[in-house]
Protein backbone atom coordinates (compact mmCIF):
# COMPACT_ATOMS: atom_id res chain seq x y z
CA MET A 1 0.00 0.00 0.00
CA VAL A 2 1.06 3.58 -0.57
CA ASP A 3 1.85 5.72 2.45
CA ARG A 4 -0.35 8.73 1.65
CA PRO A 5 1.34 11.48 3.75
CA ARG A 6 4.72 10.33 2.48
CA LEU A 7 3.53 10.44 -1.13
CA GLN A 8 1.89 13.86 -0.73
CA ASN A 9 5.01 15.39 0.80
CA SER A 10 7.18 13.77 -1.85
CA ILE A 11 5.06 15.33 -4.61
CA VAL A 12 5.11 18.77 -3.00
CA TYR A 13 8.82 18.88 -2.24
CA GLY A 14 9.70 17.17 -5.51
CA GLY A 15 7.82 19.92 -7.33
CA VAL A 16 9.50 22.69 -5.35
CA VAL A 17 12.96 21.31 -6.05
CA ALA A 18 12.10 20.74 -9.72
CA PHE A 19 10.86 24.32 -10.05
CA ALA A 20 14.09 25.69 -8.58
CA LEU A 21 16.29 23.47 -10.75
CA ALA A 22 14.31 24.20 -13.92
CA LEU A 23 14.71 27.95 -13.33
CA LEU A 24 18.50 27.58 -13.19
CA VAL A 25 18.69 26.65 -16.87
CA PRO A 26 19.50 29.79 -18.88
CA ASP A 27 16.90 29.71 -21.66
CA PRO A 28 15.21 32.93 -22.79
CA THR A 29 12.43 31.09 -24.66
CA GLY A 30 11.34 29.00 -21.67
CA ALA A 31 11.30 25.77 -23.68
CA ALA A 32 13.80 24.10 -21.37
CA PHE A 33 11.60 24.89 -18.37
CA VAL A 34 8.55 23.38 -20.07
CA PHE A 35 10.42 20.12 -20.72
CA LEU A 36 12.46 19.96 -17.52
CA PHE A 37 9.83 20.81 -14.93
CA PRO A 38 7.61 17.71 -15.36
CA ILE A 39 10.59 15.38 -15.69
CA LEU A 40 12.34 16.79 -12.63
CA THR A 41 9.09 16.74 -10.65
CA LEU A 42 8.62 13.05 -11.36
CA MET A 43 12.25 12.26 -10.54
CA GLY A 44 12.15 14.31 -7.34
CA THR A 45 8.90 12.69 -6.24
CA LEU A 46 10.29 9.21 -6.79
CA LEU A 47 13.55 10.06 -5.02
CA PHE A 48 11.87 11.62 -1.99
CA TYR A 49 9.30 8.84 -1.69
CA TRP A 50 11.89 6.09 -2.07
CA THR A 51 14.33 7.60 0.43
CA GLY A 52 11.68 8.84 2.87
CA TRP A 53 12.97 12.40 3.04
CA PHE A 54 10.55 15.17 4.11
CA VAL A 55 8.09 12.81 5.75
CA THR A 56 5.82 14.19 8.45
CA GLU A 57 3.42 12.07 10.41
């Protein structure tokens, strides 16, 4: 079963980290942000859920 608070926090913090990392890419058109943000959000969510970082109970 999925641990719901752990998954919710992983999605939130994964998205925050992805947003910050996607903004670091110097691209005046914004195309890199559009492609990187969803990919980094998914990767961050999986990483935080798998490792258990940022879990509150």
